[in-house]
Amino acid sequence: MLHYSSKSDAGNAAFAKALSRPDLFVVKPQREGGGNNVYGEDIVPFLQSIEDSNERNAYILMDRIHPPKTINYMIRPGSGKATMKSVISELGIFGYVIGDHERIISNQQVGYRVTKQFDTTSNAFYFF
């Protein structure tokens, strides 16, 4: 679920909940591209640093998904060997929407990617 972190009543409530239960959230910048997300114990100091700033409007709070762990082979660049590791999977679906405030001209799914990452990391980097 998506929660706004703006200075509205709903934004303030979500902000307060994220400060008290950071394990339930991911803080994401509202911009294209991945990365720069804030997780876990890093959420509280980050939110405190933007609490009274308009910069807070540039972020959203999302419920954190805790996917199931599985065992799979992983090959690290340069290692040349596969090792069994505890991993989690991520499915990303890519698409586009063309339209304006009155109508949608086209809304298409155009691809996907499936990644695996070590269960101890927050951002996926490995494709299989």
Protein backbone atom coordinates (compact mmCIF):
# COMPACT_ATOMS: atom_id res chain seq x y z
CA MET A 1 0.00 0.00 0.00
CA LEU A 2 1.14 3.51 -0.78
CA HIS A 3 1.22 6.22 1.89
CA TYR A 4 2.00 9.85 1.26
CA SER A 5 4.54 11.53 3.51
CA SER A 6 3.30 15.07 2.84
CA LYS A 7 2.25 17.42 5.64
CA SER A 8 -1.45 16.54 5.25
CA ASP A 9 -3.38 14.77 8.01
CA ALA A 10 -2.99 11.42 6.21
CA GLY A 11 0.67 12.15 5.48
CA ASN A 12 1.37 13.07 9.10
CA ALA A 13 -0.32 9.86 10.32
CA ALA A 14 1.72 7.70 7.92
CA PHE A 15 4.90 9.60 8.83
CA ALA A 16 4.30 9.00 12.55
CA LYS A 17 3.61 5.29 11.98
CA ALA A 18 6.81 4.92 9.93
CA LEU A 19 8.79 6.57 12.74
CA SER A 20 7.35 4.15 15.30
CA ARG A 21 7.40 0.99 13.08
CA PRO A 22 10.09 1.46 10.42
CA ASP A 23 10.22 -2.30 9.80
CA LEU A 24 6.82 -2.02 8.08
CA PHE A 25 7.87 0.56 5.48
CA VAL A 26 10.14 1.51 2.60
CA VAL A 27 10.80 5.19 1.90
CA LYS A 28 11.02 5.84 -1.85
CA PRO A 29 11.86 9.01 -3.76
CA GLN A 30 9.19 10.03 -6.27
CA ARG A 31 11.33 9.92 -9.39
CA GLU A 32 12.23 7.62 -12.24
CA GLY A 33 14.79 4.90 -11.81
CA GLY A 34 15.54 2.58 -8.95
CA GLY A 35 17.72 2.80 -5.92
CA ASN A 36 17.90 5.50 -3.28
CA ASN A 37 15.27 3.72 -1.21
CA VAL A 38 15.53 3.81 2.58
CA TYR A 39 14.95 0.64 4.63
CA GLY A 40 14.91 -0.62 8.21
CA GLU A 41 16.94 1.17 10.83
CA ASP A 42 17.91 3.88 8.34
CA ILE A 43 14.29 5.10 8.07
CA VAL A 44 14.02 6.87 11.44
CA PRO A 45 17.06 9.16 11.11
CA PHE A 46 16.19 9.83 7.47
CA LEU A 47 12.59 10.81 8.23
CA GLN A 48 13.72 12.93 11.18
CA SER A 49 16.10 14.80 8.86
CA ILE A 50 13.25 15.79 6.48
CA GLU A 51 10.38 16.04 9.00
CA ASP A 52 10.10 19.85 8.96
CA SER A 53 11.25 20.30 5.37
CA ASN A 54 9.33 20.59 2.11
CA GLU A 55 11.73 17.88 0.86
CA ARG A 56 9.40 15.46 2.61
CA ASN A 57 6.94 15.94 -0.29
CA ALA A 58 9.48 14.31 -2.63
CA TYR A 59 9.10 10.89 -0.91
CA ILE A 60 6.41 8.28 -0.49
CA LEU A 61 6.07 5.57 2.13
CA MET A 62 5.21 2.08 0.94
CA ASP A 63 4.37 -1.01 2.90
CA ARG A 64 7.41 -3.25 2.93
CA ILE A 65 6.92 -6.66 1.37
CA HIS A 66 8.72 -9.52 3.08
CA PRO A 67 8.99 -12.21 0.37
CA PRO A 68 9.63 -15.85 1.23
CA LYS A 69 13.22 -17.04 1.28
CA THR A 70 14.41 -19.87 -0.93
CA ILE A 71 17.72 -21.61 -1.57
CA ASN A 72 19.28 -21.10 -5.00
CA TYR A 73 22.62 -21.06 -6.75
CA MET A 74 24.28 -17.64 -7.02
CA ILE A 75 27.31 -16.70 -9.09
CA ARG A 76 29.15 -13.53 -8.12
CA PRO A 77 31.00 -11.63 -10.86
CA GLY A 78 34.60 -12.74 -11.02
CA SER A 79 34.17 -15.73 -8.71
CA GLY A 80 33.60 -18.30 -11.44
CA LYS A 81 31.73 -20.69 -9.15
CA ALA A 82 28.14 -21.17 -8.07
CA THR A 83 27.32 -21.34 -4.37
CA MET A 84 24.07 -22.20 -2.61
CA LYS A 85 22.62 -19.16 -0.84
CA SER A 86 19.41 -18.07 0.85
CA VAL A 87 17.73 -15.67 -1.59
CA ILE A 88 14.52 -13.78 -2.29
CA SER A 89 12.94 -13.14 -5.68
CA GLU A 90 11.61 -9.95 -7.23
CA LEU A 91 9.41 -9.53 -10.28
CA GLY A 92 9.40 -6.13 -11.98
CA ILE A 93 6.80 -5.40 -14.65
CA PHE A 94 7.48 -2.53 -17.02
CA GLY A 95 4.88 -0.55 -18.87
CA TYR A 96 3.82 2.85 -20.03
CA VAL A 97 0.75 5.06 -20.05
CA ILE A 98 0.16 7.81 -22.62
CA GLY A 99 -2.66 10.18 -21.90
CA ASP A 100 -3.71 13.35 -20.18
CA HIS A 101 -6.16 14.37 -17.48
CA GLU A 102 -9.13 13.55 -19.75
CA ARG A 103 -8.29 10.23 -21.41
CA ILE A 104 -5.82 7.38 -21.67
CA ILE A 105 -4.59 6.81 -25.21
CA SER A 106 -2.45 3.75 -24.52
CA ASN A 107 -1.66 1.67 -21.44
CA GLN A 108 0.66 -1.24 -22.21
CA GLN A 109 2.81 -3.80 -20.42
CA VAL A 110 6.07 -3.97 -22.37
CA GLY A 111 8.33 -6.28 -20.43
CA TYR A 112 9.46 -7.77 -17.17
CA ARG A 113 12.53 -8.75 -15.22
CA VAL A 114 13.00 -11.37 -12.57
CA THR A 115 15.82 -10.93 -10.09
CA LYS A 116 17.28 -12.81 -7.17
CA GLN A 117 19.08 -11.20 -4.30
CA PHE A 118 20.67 -12.41 -1.12
CA ASP A 119 18.12 -12.38 1.68
CA THR A 120 20.37 -10.05 3.67
CA THR A 121 20.23 -7.19 1.14
CA SER A 122 17.53 -4.61 0.45
CA ASN A 123 18.01 -3.92 -3.27
CA ALA A 124 18.08 -6.56 -6.03
CA PHE A 125 21.16 -6.73 -8.25
CA TYR A 126 21.21 -10.26 -9.65
CA PHE A 127 19.45 -11.47 -12.77
CA PHE A 128 18.81 -15.11 -13.59
